[in-house]
Amino acid sequence: MSLEKILKAFMPMSETAYYILLSLSEPRHGYGIIQHVEEMTNGRIRLGSGTVYGTINKMKKAGIITIYADENRKTIYEITDLGKVLMKSEINRIKELYNNAIKLEGEFYEKGD
């Protein structure tokens, strides 16, 4: 899949997809992804295995992640270069959202809030 098609298909990312890819800052197995996302979000997001594996399969088909087995035959997931480009684009999009929110957040508060 071309980069343009990937960006169109995955952006803006769902929070689930974003955190799965963010957790692949290093290769991890499925349960490791679930644990890492829960830790990163202080328990706010608890991914179910069905959600994780469904999202991972979609990402694998798109060439965003690769899958291999480690020495213990555990399935390990790793982000590809294409996936890294996607993440950089999404991180930049989120930074823009954040910066605009900071600039204008005062417009939504009453004096003294």
PDB file of N, CA and C in Angstrom:
ATOM      1  N   MET A   1       0.848  -1.176   0.000  1.00  0.00           N
ATOM      2  CA  MET A   1       0.000   0.000   0.000  1.00  0.00           C
ATOM      3  C   MET A   1       0.896   1.243   0.000  1.00  0.00           C
ATOM      4  N   SER A   2       0.522   2.247  -0.763  1.00  0.00           N
ATOM      5  CA  SER A   2       1.329   3.469  -0.831  1.00  0.00           C
ATOM      6  C   SER A   2       1.156   4.286   0.439  1.00  0.00           C
ATOM      7  N   LEU A   3       2.117   5.155   0.691  1.00  0.00           N
ATOM      8  CA  LEU A   3       2.062   6.012   1.871  1.00  0.00           C
ATOM      9  C   LEU A   3       0.790   6.856   1.858  1.00  0.00           C
ATOM     10  N   GLU A   4       0.444   7.396   0.701  1.00  0.00           N
ATOM     11  CA  GLU A   4      -0.767   8.225   0.599  1.00  0.00           C
ATOM     12  C   GLU A   4      -2.013   7.434   1.009  1.00  0.00           C
ATOM     13  N   LYS A   5      -2.107   6.180   0.553  1.00  0.00           N
ATOM     14  CA  LYS A   5      -3.254   5.342   0.899  1.00  0.00           C
ATOM     15  C   LYS A   5      -3.250   5.000   2.388  1.00  0.00           C
ATOM     16  N   ILE A   6      -2.068   4.746   2.924  1.00  0.00           N
ATOM     17  CA  ILE A   6      -1.945   4.438   4.357  1.00  0.00           C
ATOM     18  C   ILE A   6      -2.424   5.625   5.186  1.00  0.00           C
ATOM     19  N   LEU A   7      -1.939   6.830   4.838  1.00  0.00           N
ATOM     20  CA  LEU A   7      -2.326   8.018   5.593  1.00  0.00           C
ATOM     21  C   LEU A   7      -3.830   8.243   5.508  1.00  0.00           C
ATOM     22  N   LYS A   8      -4.392   8.049   4.342  1.00  0.00           N
ATOM     23  CA  LYS A   8      -5.832   8.246   4.158  1.00  0.00           C
ATOM     24  C   LYS A   8      -6.633   7.206   4.941  1.00  0.00           C
ATOM     25  N   ALA A   9      -6.148   5.980   4.960  1.00  0.00           N
ATOM     26  CA  ALA A   9      -6.862   4.891   5.633  1.00  0.00           C
ATOM     27  C   ALA A   9      -6.770   4.961   7.153  1.00  0.00           C
ATOM     28  N   PHE A  10      -5.650   5.452   7.683  1.00  0.00           N
ATOM     29  CA  PHE A  10      -5.420   5.370   9.121  1.00  0.00           C
ATOM     30  C   PHE A  10      -5.494   6.704   9.861  1.00  0.00           C
ATOM     31  N   MET A  11      -5.520   7.828   9.134  1.00  0.00           N
ATOM     32  CA  MET A  11      -5.541   9.114   9.835  1.00  0.00           C
ATOM     33  C   MET A  11      -6.877   9.811   9.651  1.00  0.00           C
ATOM     34  N   PRO A  12      -7.404  10.421  10.700  1.00  0.00           N
ATOM     35  CA  PRO A  12      -6.858  10.384  12.046  1.00  0.00           C
ATOM     36  C   PRO A  12      -7.010   8.983  12.642  1.00  0.00           C
ATOM     37  N   MET A  13      -6.054   8.631  13.476  1.00  0.00           N
ATOM     38  CA  MET A  13      -6.041   7.294  14.070  1.00  0.00           C
ATOM     39  C   MET A  13      -7.049   7.188  15.198  1.00  0.00           C
ATOM     40  N   SER A  14      -7.579   5.994  15.351  1.00  0.00           N
ATOM     41  CA  SER A  14      -8.361   5.722  16.557  1.00  0.00           C
ATOM     42  C   SER A  14      -7.369   5.689  17.722  1.00  0.00           C
ATOM     43  N   GLU A  15      -7.870   5.925  18.895  1.00  0.00           N
ATOM     44  CA  GLU A  15      -7.003   5.886  20.071  1.00  0.00           C
ATOM     45  C   GLU A  15      -6.386   4.499  20.247  1.00  0.00           C
ATOM     46  N   THR A  16      -7.155   3.469  19.946  1.00  0.00           N
ATOM     47  CA  THR A  16      -6.658   2.100  20.043  1.00  0.00           C
ATOM     48  C   THR A  16      -5.469   1.888  19.112  1.00  0.00           C
ATOM     49  N   ALA A  17      -5.627   2.237  17.836  1.00  0.00           N
ATOM     50  CA  ALA A  17      -4.543   2.061  16.871  1.00  0.00           C
ATOM     51  C   ALA A  17      -3.327   2.886  17.266  1.00  0.00           C
ATOM     52  N   TYR A  18      -3.564   4.102  17.708  1.00  0.00           N
ATOM     53  CA  TYR A  18      -2.465   4.987  18.109  1.00  0.00           C
ATOM     54  C   TYR A  18      -1.654   4.362  19.244  1.00  0.00           C
ATOM     55  N   TYR A  19      -2.331   3.899  20.267  1.00  0.00           N
ATOM     56  CA  TYR A  19      -1.611   3.349  21.415  1.00  0.00           C
ATOM     57  C   TYR A  19      -0.957   2.010  21.098  1.00  0.00           C
ATOM     58  N   ILE A  20      -1.548   1.227  20.232  1.00  0.00           N
ATOM     59  CA  ILE A  20      -0.895  -0.018  19.832  1.00  0.00           C
ATOM     60  C   ILE A  20       0.418   0.300  19.131  1.00  0.00           C
ATOM     61  N   LEU A  21       0.377   1.216  18.156  1.00  0.00           N
ATOM     62  CA  LEU A  21       1.614   1.568  17.449  1.00  0.00           C
ATOM     63  C   LEU A  21       2.607   2.259  18.368  1.00  0.00           C
ATOM     64  N   LEU A  22       2.121   3.118  19.248  1.00  0.00           N
ATOM     65  CA  LEU A  22       3.016   3.795  20.180  1.00  0.00           C
ATOM     66  C   LEU A  22       3.726   2.786  21.084  1.00  0.00           C
ATOM     67  N   SER A  23       3.025   1.733  21.457  1.00  0.00           N
ATOM     68  CA  SER A  23       3.639   0.713  22.317  1.00  0.00           C
ATOM     69  C   SER A  23       4.685  -0.102  21.569  1.00  0.00           C
ATOM     70  N   LEU A  24       4.668  -0.024  20.230  1.00  0.00           N
ATOM     71  CA  LEU A  24       5.665  -0.749  19.444  1.00  0.00           C
ATOM     72  C   LEU A  24       6.918   0.089  19.217  1.00  0.00           C
ATOM     73  N   SER A  25       7.187   0.987  20.147  1.00  0.00           N
ATOM     74  CA  SER A  25       8.475   1.690  20.134  1.00  0.00           C
ATOM     75  C   SER A  25       9.592   0.668  20.309  1.00  0.00           C
ATOM     76  N   GLU A  26       9.221  -0.493  20.781  1.00  0.00           N
ATOM     77  CA  GLU A  26      10.100  -1.665  20.804  1.00  0.00           C
ATOM     78  C   GLU A  26       9.226  -2.879  20.500  1.00  0.00           C
ATOM     79  N   PRO A  27       9.801  -3.929  19.925  1.00  0.00           N
ATOM     80  CA  PRO A  27       8.991  -5.112  19.595  1.00  0.00           C
ATOM     81  C   PRO A  27       8.343  -5.696  20.849  1.00  0.00           C
ATOM     82  N   ARG A  28       7.086  -6.104  20.720  1.00  0.00           N
ATOM     83  CA  ARG A  28       6.352  -6.670  21.860  1.00  0.00           C
ATOM     84  C   ARG A  28       5.414  -7.769  21.372  1.00  0.00           C
ATOM     85  N   HIS A  29       5.051  -8.651  22.288  1.00  0.00           N
ATOM     86  CA  HIS A  29       4.017  -9.631  21.987  1.00  0.00           C
ATOM     87  C   HIS A  29       2.664  -9.018  22.364  1.00  0.00           C
ATOM     88  N   GLY A  30       1.603  -9.668  21.998  1.00  0.00           N
ATOM     89  CA  GLY A  30       0.261  -9.119  22.181  1.00  0.00           C
ATOM     90  C   GLY A  30      -0.057  -8.730  23.611  1.00  0.00           C
ATOM     91  N   TYR A  31       0.226  -9.613  24.563  1.00  0.00           N
ATOM     92  CA  TYR A  31      -0.059  -9.305  25.959  1.00  0.00           C
ATOM     93  C   TYR A  31       0.808  -8.141  26.434  1.00  0.00           C
ATOM     94  N   GLY A  32       2.039  -8.064  25.923  1.00  0.00           N
ATOM     95  CA  GLY A  32       2.925  -6.955  26.268  1.00  0.00           C
ATOM     96  C   GLY A  32       2.365  -5.622  25.784  1.00  0.00           C
ATOM     97  N   ILE A  33       1.739  -5.639  24.608  1.00  0.00           N
ATOM     98  CA  ILE A  33       1.094  -4.427  24.088  1.00  0.00           C
ATOM     99  C   ILE A  33      -0.043  -4.016  25.020  1.00  0.00           C
ATOM    100  N   ILE A  34      -0.873  -4.967  25.396  1.00  0.00           N
ATOM    101  CA  ILE A  34      -2.009  -4.691  26.283  1.00  0.00           C
ATOM    102  C   ILE A  34      -1.524  -4.090  27.591  1.00  0.00           C
ATOM    103  N   GLN A  35      -0.498  -4.685  28.185  1.00  0.00           N
ATOM    104  CA  GLN A  35       0.045  -4.187  29.455  1.00  0.00           C
ATOM    105  C   GLN A  35       0.649  -2.796  29.303  1.00  0.00           C
ATOM    106  N   HIS A  36       1.410  -2.597  28.233  1.00  0.00           N
ATOM    107  CA  HIS A  36       2.085  -1.321  28.028  1.00  0.00           C
ATOM    108  C   HIS A  36       1.079  -0.191  27.834  1.00  0.00           C
ATOM    109  N   VAL A  37       0.036  -0.436  27.060  1.00  0.00           N
ATOM    110  CA  VAL A  37      -0.997   0.585  26.841  1.00  0.00           C
ATOM    111  C   VAL A  37      -1.680   0.928  28.162  1.00  0.00           C
ATOM    112  N   GLU A  38      -1.982  -0.081  28.946  1.00  0.00           N
ATOM    113  CA  GLU A  38      -2.622   0.169  30.242  1.00  0.00           C
ATOM    114  C   GLU A  38      -1.709   0.995  31.151  1.00  0.00           C
ATOM    115  N   GLU A  39      -0.419   0.686  31.154  1.00  0.00           N
ATOM    116  CA  GLU A  39       0.541   1.466  31.953  1.00  0.00           C
ATOM    117  C   GLU A  39       0.649   2.899  31.454  1.00  0.00           C
ATOM    118  N   MET A  40       0.785   3.079  30.126  1.00  0.00           N
ATOM    119  CA  MET A  40       0.928   4.424  29.555  1.00  0.00           C
ATOM    120  C   MET A  40      -0.264   5.314  29.877  1.00  0.00           C
ATOM    121  N   THR A  41      -1.454   4.712  29.922  1.00  0.00           N
ATOM    122  CA  THR A  41      -2.669   5.509  30.115  1.00  0.00           C
ATOM    123  C   THR A  41      -3.160   5.462  31.563  1.00  0.00           C
ATOM    124  N   ASN A  42      -2.321   4.980  32.455  1.00  0.00           N
ATOM    125  CA  ASN A  42      -2.679   4.864  33.868  1.00  0.00           C
ATOM    126  C   ASN A  42      -4.010   4.131  34.067  1.00  0.00           C
ATOM    127  N   GLY A  43      -4.218   3.090  33.263  1.00  0.00           N
ATOM    128  CA  GLY A  43      -5.406   2.256  33.398  1.00  0.00           C
ATOM    129  C   GLY A  43      -6.645   2.791  32.696  1.00  0.00           C
ATOM    130  N   ARG A  44      -6.549   3.961  32.088  1.00  0.00           N
ATOM    131  CA  ARG A  44      -7.707   4.541  31.399  1.00  0.00           C
ATOM    132  C   ARG A  44      -8.126   3.677  30.217  1.00  0.00           C
ATOM    133  N   ILE A  45      -7.142   3.109  29.515  1.00  0.00           N
ATOM    134  CA  ILE A  45      -7.441   2.247  28.373  1.00  0.00           C
ATOM    135  C   ILE A  45      -7.009   0.831  28.707  1.00  0.00           C
ATOM    136  N   ARG A  46      -7.979  -0.068  28.661  1.00  0.00           N
ATOM    137  CA  ARG A  46      -7.727  -1.496  28.859  1.00  0.00           C
ATOM    138  C   ARG A  46      -8.171  -2.202  27.597  1.00  0.00           C
ATOM    139  N   LEU A  47      -7.217  -2.551  26.780  1.00  0.00           N
ATOM    140  CA  LEU A  47      -7.526  -3.167  25.492  1.00  0.00           C
ATOM    141  C   LEU A  47      -7.845  -4.643  25.664  1.00  0.00           C
ATOM    142  N   GLY A  48      -8.884  -5.087  25.001  1.00  0.00           N
ATOM    143  CA  GLY A  48      -9.211  -6.504  24.968  1.00  0.00           C
ATOM    144  C   GLY A  48      -8.393  -7.181  23.883  1.00  0.00           C
ATOM    145  N   SER A  49      -8.163  -8.457  24.035  1.00  0.00           N
ATOM    146  CA  SER A  49      -7.333  -9.167  23.060  1.00  0.00           C
ATOM    147  C   SER A  49      -7.967  -9.154  21.671  1.00  0.00           C
ATOM    148  N   GLY A  50      -9.282  -9.244  21.585  1.00  0.00           N
ATOM    149  CA  GLY A  50      -9.945  -9.203  20.285  1.00  0.00           C
ATOM    150  C   GLY A  50      -9.711  -7.894  19.561  1.00  0.00           C
ATOM    151  N   THR A  51      -9.772  -6.809  20.305  1.00  0.00           N
ATOM    152  CA  THR A  51      -9.519  -5.478  19.739  1.00  0.00           C
ATOM    153  C   THR A  51      -8.081  -5.372  19.262  1.00  0.00           C
ATOM    154  N   VAL A  52      -7.158  -5.817  20.090  1.00  0.00           N
ATOM    155  CA  VAL A  52      -5.730  -5.730  19.746  1.00  0.00           C
ATOM    156  C   VAL A  52      -5.435  -6.556  18.500  1.00  0.00           C
ATOM    157  N   TYR A  53      -5.860  -7.806  18.487  1.00  0.00           N
ATOM    158  CA  TYR A  53      -5.506  -8.672  17.371  1.00  0.00           C
ATOM    159  C   TYR A  53      -6.231  -8.273  16.088  1.00  0.00           C
ATOM    160  N   GLY A  54      -7.447  -7.772  16.185  1.00  0.00           N
ATOM    161  CA  GLY A  54      -8.147  -7.268  15.008  1.00  0.00           C
ATOM    162  C   GLY A  54      -7.425  -6.073  14.403  1.00  0.00           C
ATOM    163  N   THR A  55      -7.002  -5.150  15.257  1.00  0.00           N
ATOM    164  CA  THR A  55      -6.276  -3.961  14.794  1.00  0.00           C
ATOM    165  C   THR A  55      -4.914  -4.353  14.234  1.00  0.00           C
ATOM    166  N   ILE A  56      -4.226  -5.266  14.894  1.00  0.00           N
ATOM    167  CA  ILE A  56      -2.913  -5.724  14.441  1.00  0.00           C
ATOM    168  C   ILE A  56      -3.024  -6.386  13.063  1.00  0.00           C
ATOM    169  N   ASN A  57      -4.047  -7.204  12.864  1.00  0.00           N
ATOM    170  CA  ASN A  57      -4.209  -7.856  11.563  1.00  0.00           C
ATOM    171  C   ASN A  57      -4.416  -6.833  10.449  1.00  0.00           C
ATOM    172  N   LYS A  58      -5.212  -5.815  10.716  1.00  0.00           N
ATOM    173  CA  LYS A  58      -5.427  -4.749   9.733  1.00  0.00           C
ATOM    174  C   LYS A  58      -4.107  -4.031   9.439  1.00  0.00           C
ATOM    175  N   MET A  59      -3.334  -3.763  10.475  1.00  0.00           N
ATOM    176  CA  MET A  59      -2.054  -3.073  10.308  1.00  0.00           C
ATOM    177  C   MET A  59      -1.039  -3.939   9.574  1.00  0.00           C
ATOM    178  N   LYS A  60      -1.064  -5.229   9.842  1.00  0.00           N
ATOM    179  CA  LYS A  60      -0.147  -6.146   9.151  1.00  0.00           C
ATOM    180  C   LYS A  60      -0.447  -6.165   7.657  1.00  0.00           C
ATOM    181  N   LYS A  61      -1.726  -6.259   7.311  1.00  0.00           N
ATOM    182  CA  LYS A  61      -2.123  -6.267   5.900  1.00  0.00           C
ATOM    183  C   LYS A  61      -1.701  -4.984   5.187  1.00  0.00           C
ATOM    184  N   ALA A  62      -1.691  -3.872   5.920  1.00  0.00           N
ATOM    185  CA  ALA A  62      -1.313  -2.580   5.337  1.00  0.00           C
ATOM    186  C   ALA A  62       0.201  -2.374   5.311  1.00  0.00           C
ATOM    187  N   GLY A  63       0.961  -3.275   5.940  1.00  0.00           N
ATOM    188  CA  GLY A  63       2.417  -3.155   5.956  1.00  0.00           C
ATOM    189  C   GLY A  63       2.951  -2.196   7.007  1.00  0.00           C
ATOM    190  N   ILE A  64       2.135  -1.911   8.015  1.00  0.00           N
ATOM    191  CA  ILE A  64       2.523  -0.984   9.080  1.00  0.00           C
ATOM    192  C   ILE A  64       3.300  -1.700  10.180  1.00  0.00           C
ATOM    193  N   ILE A  65       2.999  -2.971  10.361  1.00  0.00           N
ATOM    194  CA  ILE A  65       3.743  -3.778  11.330  1.00  0.00           C
ATOM    195  C   ILE A  65       4.144  -5.098  10.681  1.00  0.00           C
ATOM    196  N   THR A  66       5.141  -5.725  11.264  1.00  0.00           N
ATOM    197  CA  THR A  66       5.547  -7.066  10.859  1.00  0.00           C
ATOM    198  C   THR A  66       5.404  -7.987  12.064  1.00  0.00           C
ATOM    199  N   ILE A  67       5.354  -9.255  11.783  1.00  0.00           N
ATOM    200  CA  ILE A  67       5.170 -10.259  12.827  1.00  0.00           C
ATOM    201  C   ILE A  67       6.247 -11.319  12.671  1.00  0.00           C
ATOM    202  N   TYR A  68       6.827 -11.720  13.788  1.00  0.00           N
ATOM    203  CA  TYR A  68       7.776 -12.831  13.785  1.00  0.00           C
ATOM    204  C   TYR A  68       7.688 -13.546  15.120  1.00  0.00           C
ATOM    205  N   ALA A  69       8.311 -14.698  15.217  1.00  0.00           N
ATOM    206  CA  ALA A  69       8.311 -15.472  16.460  1.00  0.00           C
ATOM    207  C   ALA A  69       9.689 -15.380  17.103  1.00  0.00           C
ATOM    208  N   ASP A  70       9.703 -15.259  18.429  1.00  0.00           N
ATOM    209  CA  ASP A  70      10.975 -15.218  19.146  1.00  0.00           C
ATOM    210  C   ASP A  70      11.441 -16.635  19.470  1.00  0.00           C
ATOM    211  N   GLU A  71      12.508 -16.731  20.251  1.00  0.00           N
ATOM    212  CA  GLU A  71      13.081 -18.044  20.570  1.00  0.00           C
ATOM    213  C   GLU A  71      12.128 -18.923  21.377  1.00  0.00           C
ATOM    214  N   ASN A  72      11.144 -18.318  22.047  1.00  0.00           N
ATOM    215  CA  ASN A  72      10.150 -19.084  22.805  1.00  0.00           C
ATOM    216  C   ASN A  72       8.875 -19.323  22.001  1.00  0.00           C
ATOM    217  N   ARG A  73       8.935 -19.024  20.715  1.00  0.00           N
ATOM    218  CA  ARG A  73       7.809 -19.164  19.790  1.00  0.00           C
ATOM    219  C   ARG A  73       6.651 -18.230  20.098  1.00  0.00           C
ATOM    220  N   LYS A  74       6.926 -17.172  20.839  1.00  0.00           N
ATOM    221  CA  LYS A  74       5.900 -16.155  21.067  1.00  0.00           C
ATOM    222  C   LYS A  74       5.847 -15.265  19.835  1.00  0.00           C
ATOM    223  N   THR A  75       4.648 -14.861  19.477  1.00  0.00           N
ATOM    224  CA  THR A  75       4.489 -13.966  18.340  1.00  0.00           C
ATOM    225  C   THR A  75       4.846 -12.555  18.778  1.00  0.00           C
ATOM    226  N   ILE A  76       5.763 -11.958  18.041  1.00  0.00           N
ATOM    227  CA  ILE A  76       6.252 -10.615  18.349  1.00  0.00           C
ATOM    228  C   ILE A  76       5.838  -9.673  17.224  1.00  0.00           C
ATOM    229  N   TYR A  77       5.419  -8.477  17.602  1.00  0.00           N
ATOM    230  CA  TYR A  77       4.996  -7.466  16.637  1.00  0.00           C
ATOM    231  C   TYR A  77       6.001  -6.329  16.641  1.00  0.00           C
ATOM    232  N   GLU A  78       6.285  -5.823  15.443  1.00  0.00           N
ATOM    233  CA  GLU A  78       7.267  -4.748  15.301  1.00  0.00           C
ATOM    234  C   GLU A  78       6.763  -3.750  14.256  1.00  0.00           C
ATOM    235  N   ILE A  79       6.947  -2.475  14.535  1.00  0.00           N
ATOM    236  CA  ILE A  79       6.530  -1.427  13.603  1.00  0.00           C
ATOM    237  C   ILE A  79       7.509  -1.393  12.423  1.00  0.00           C
ATOM    238  N   THR A  80       6.994  -1.156  11.227  1.00  0.00           N
ATOM    239  CA  THR A  80       7.835  -1.063  10.027  1.00  0.00           C
ATOM    240  C   THR A  80       8.214   0.400   9.789  1.00  0.00           C
ATOM    241  N   ASP A  81       9.076   0.634   8.812  1.00  0.00           N
ATOM    242  CA  ASP A  81       9.427   2.012   8.453  1.00  0.00           C
ATOM    243  C   ASP A  81       8.192   2.784   8.006  1.00  0.00           C
ATOM    244  N   LEU A  82       7.304   2.137   7.277  1.00  0.00           N
ATOM    245  CA  LEU A  82       6.055   2.768   6.858  1.00  0.00           C
ATOM    246  C   LEU A  82       5.207   3.127   8.076  1.00  0.00           C
ATOM    247  N   GLY A  83       5.175   2.237   9.039  1.00  0.00           N
ATOM    248  CA  GLY A  83       4.455   2.502  10.288  1.00  0.00           C
ATOM    249  C   GLY A  83       5.042   3.674  11.039  1.00  0.00           C
ATOM    250  N   LYS A  84       6.361   3.805  11.009  1.00  0.00           N
ATOM    251  CA  LYS A  84       7.011   4.945  11.684  1.00  0.00           C
ATOM    252  C   LYS A  84       6.648   6.258  11.010  1.00  0.00           C
ATOM    253  N   VAL A  85       6.564   6.257   9.690  1.00  0.00           N
ATOM    254  CA  VAL A  85       6.147   7.466   8.968  1.00  0.00           C
ATOM    255  C   VAL A  85       4.713   7.826   9.360  1.00  0.00           C
ATOM    256  N   LEU A  86       3.855   6.822   9.430  1.00  0.00           N
ATOM    257  CA  LEU A  86       2.477   7.041   9.849  1.00  0.00           C
ATOM    258  C   LEU A  86       2.430   7.632  11.255  1.00  0.00           C
ATOM    259  N   MET A  87       3.200   7.069  12.177  1.00  0.00           N
ATOM    260  CA  MET A  87       3.208   7.572  13.552  1.00  0.00           C
ATOM    261  C   MET A  87       3.726   9.007  13.620  1.00  0.00           C
ATOM    262  N   LYS A  88       4.769   9.326  12.877  1.00  0.00           N
ATOM    263  CA  LYS A  88       5.277  10.702  12.869  1.00  0.00           C
ATOM    264  C   LYS A  88       4.203  11.667  12.381  1.00  0.00           C
ATOM    265  N   SER A  89       3.474  11.262  11.350  1.00  0.00           N
ATOM    266  CA  SER A  89       2.397  12.109  10.827  1.00  0.00           C
ATOM    267  C   SER A  89       1.296  12.294  11.866  1.00  0.00           C
ATOM    268  N   GLU A  90       0.934  11.224  12.545  1.00  0.00           N
ATOM    269  CA  GLU A  90      -0.120  11.303  13.560  1.00  0.00           C
ATOM    270  C   GLU A  90       0.344  12.115  14.766  1.00  0.00           C
ATOM    271  N   ILE A  91       1.579  11.945  15.171  1.00  0.00           N
ATOM    272  CA  ILE A  91       2.108  12.731  16.294  1.00  0.00           C
ATOM    273  C   ILE A  91       2.100  14.215  15.937  1.00  0.00           C
ATOM    274  N   ASN A  92       2.485  14.565  14.724  1.00  0.00           N
ATOM    275  CA  ASN A  92       2.449  15.967  14.298  1.00  0.00           C
ATOM    276  C   ASN A  92       1.020  16.502  14.281  1.00  0.00           C
ATOM    277  N   ARG A  93       0.064  15.679  13.855  1.00  0.00           N
ATOM    278  CA  ARG A  93      -1.342  16.085  13.863  1.00  0.00           C
ATOM    279  C   ARG A  93      -1.812  16.344  15.288  1.00  0.00           C
ATOM    280  N   ILE A  94      -1.430  15.465  16.211  1.00  0.00           N
ATOM    281  CA  ILE A  94      -1.825  15.620  17.616  1.00  0.00           C
ATOM    282  C   ILE A  94      -1.166  16.855  18.230  1.00  0.00           C
ATOM    283  N   LYS A  95       0.082  17.130  17.881  1.00  0.00           N
ATOM    284  CA  LYS A  95       0.761  18.330  18.368  1.00  0.00           C
ATOM    285  C   LYS A  95       0.019  19.589  17.921  1.00  0.00           C
ATOM    286  N   GLU A  96      -0.433  19.577  16.662  1.00  0.00           N
ATOM    287  CA  GLU A  96      -1.196  20.729  16.156  1.00  0.00           C
ATOM    288  C   GLU A  96      -2.486  20.903  16.954  1.00  0.00           C
ATOM    289  N   LEU A  97      -3.189  19.791  17.196  1.00  0.00           N
ATOM    290  CA  LEU A  97      -4.410  19.849  18.009  1.00  0.00           C
ATOM    291  C   LEU A  97      -4.115  20.433  19.387  1.00  0.00           C
ATOM    292  N   TYR A  98      -3.063  19.937  20.003  1.00  0.00           N
ATOM    293  CA  TYR A  98      -2.690  20.382  21.342  1.00  0.00           C
ATOM    294  C   TYR A  98      -2.349  21.871  21.355  1.00  0.00           C
ATOM    295  N   ASN A  99      -1.501  22.286  20.428  1.00  0.00           N
ATOM    296  CA  ASN A  99      -1.087  23.694  20.381  1.00  0.00           C
ATOM    297  C   ASN A  99      -2.270  24.625  20.154  1.00  0.00           C
ATOM    298  N   ASN A 100      -3.191  24.236  19.286  1.00  0.00           N
ATOM    299  CA  ASN A 100      -4.381  25.058  19.056  1.00  0.00           C
ATOM    300  C   ASN A 100      -5.283  25.085  20.283  1.00  0.00           C
ATOM    301  N   ALA A 101      -5.382  23.963  20.982  1.00  0.00           N
ATOM    302  CA  ALA A 101      -6.180  23.918  22.205  1.00  0.00           C
ATOM    303  C   ALA A 101      -5.594  24.842  23.267  1.00  0.00           C
ATOM    304  N   ILE A 102      -4.285  24.822  23.416  1.00  0.00           N
ATOM    305  CA  ILE A 102      -3.628  25.681  24.410  1.00  0.00           C
ATOM    306  C   ILE A 102      -3.863  27.159  24.073  1.00  0.00           C
ATOM    307  N   LYS A 103      -3.751  27.503  22.794  1.00  0.00           N
ATOM    308  CA  LYS A 103      -3.950  28.898  22.368  1.00  0.00           C
ATOM    309  C   LYS A 103      -5.354  29.395  22.686  1.00  0.00           C
ATOM    310  N   LEU A 104      -6.333  28.535  22.544  1.00  0.00           N
ATOM    311  CA  LEU A 104      -7.721  28.993  22.635  1.00  0.00           C
ATOM    312  C   LEU A 104      -8.495  28.475  23.835  1.00  0.00           C
ATOM    313  N   GLU A 105      -7.858  27.709  24.708  1.00  0.00           N
ATOM    314  CA  GLU A 105      -8.624  27.116  25.799  1.00  0.00           C
ATOM    315  C   GLU A 105      -9.265  28.138  26.713  1.00  0.00           C
ATOM    316  N   GLY A 106      -8.626  29.293  26.872  1.00  0.00           N
ATOM    317  CA  GLY A 106      -9.176  30.334  27.748  1.00  0.00           C
ATOM    318  C   GLY A 106     -10.523  30.840  27.287  1.00  0.00           C
ATOM    319  N   GLU A 107     -10.830  30.702  26.034  1.00  0.00           N
ATOM    320  CA  GLU A 107     -12.121  31.164  25.500  1.00  0.00           C
ATOM    321  C   GLU A 107     -13.292  30.335  26.029  1.00  0.00           C
ATOM    322  N   PHE A 108     -13.008  29.193  26.609  1.00  0.00           N
ATOM    323  CA  PHE A 108     -14.077  28.296  27.047  1.00  0.00           C
ATOM    324  C   PHE A 108     -14.276  28.291  28.556  1.00  0.00           C
ATOM    325  N   TYR A 109     -13.536  29.128  29.261  1.00  0.00           N
ATOM    326  CA  TYR A 109     -13.649  29.205  30.701  1.00  0.00           C
ATOM    327  C   TYR A 109     -14.248  30.540  31.106  1.00  0.00           C
ATOM    328  N   GLU A 110     -14.999  30.512  32.167  1.00  0.00           N
ATOM    329  CA  GLU A 110     -15.527  31.742  32.754  1.00  0.00           C
ATOM    330  C   GLU A 110     -14.415  32.365  33.609  1.00  0.00           C
ATOM    331  N   LYS A 111     -14.503  33.632  33.838  1.00  0.00           N
ATOM    332  CA  LYS A 111     -13.536  34.275  34.731  1.00  0.00           C
ATOM    333  C   LYS A 111     -13.579  33.583  36.086  1.00  0.00           C
ATOM    334  N   GLY A 112     -12.418  33.239  36.608  1.00  0.00           N
ATOM    335  CA  GLY A 112     -12.338  32.591  37.911  1.00  0.00           C
ATOM    336  C   GLY A 112     -12.323  31.073  37.875  1.00  0.00           C
ATOM    337  N   ASP A 113     -12.498  30.476  36.679  1.00  0.00           N
ATOM    338  CA  ASP A 113     -12.447  28.988  36.581  1.00  0.00           C
ATOM    339  C   ASP A 113     -11.054  28.486  36.797  1.00  0.00           C
TER     340      ASP A 113
END
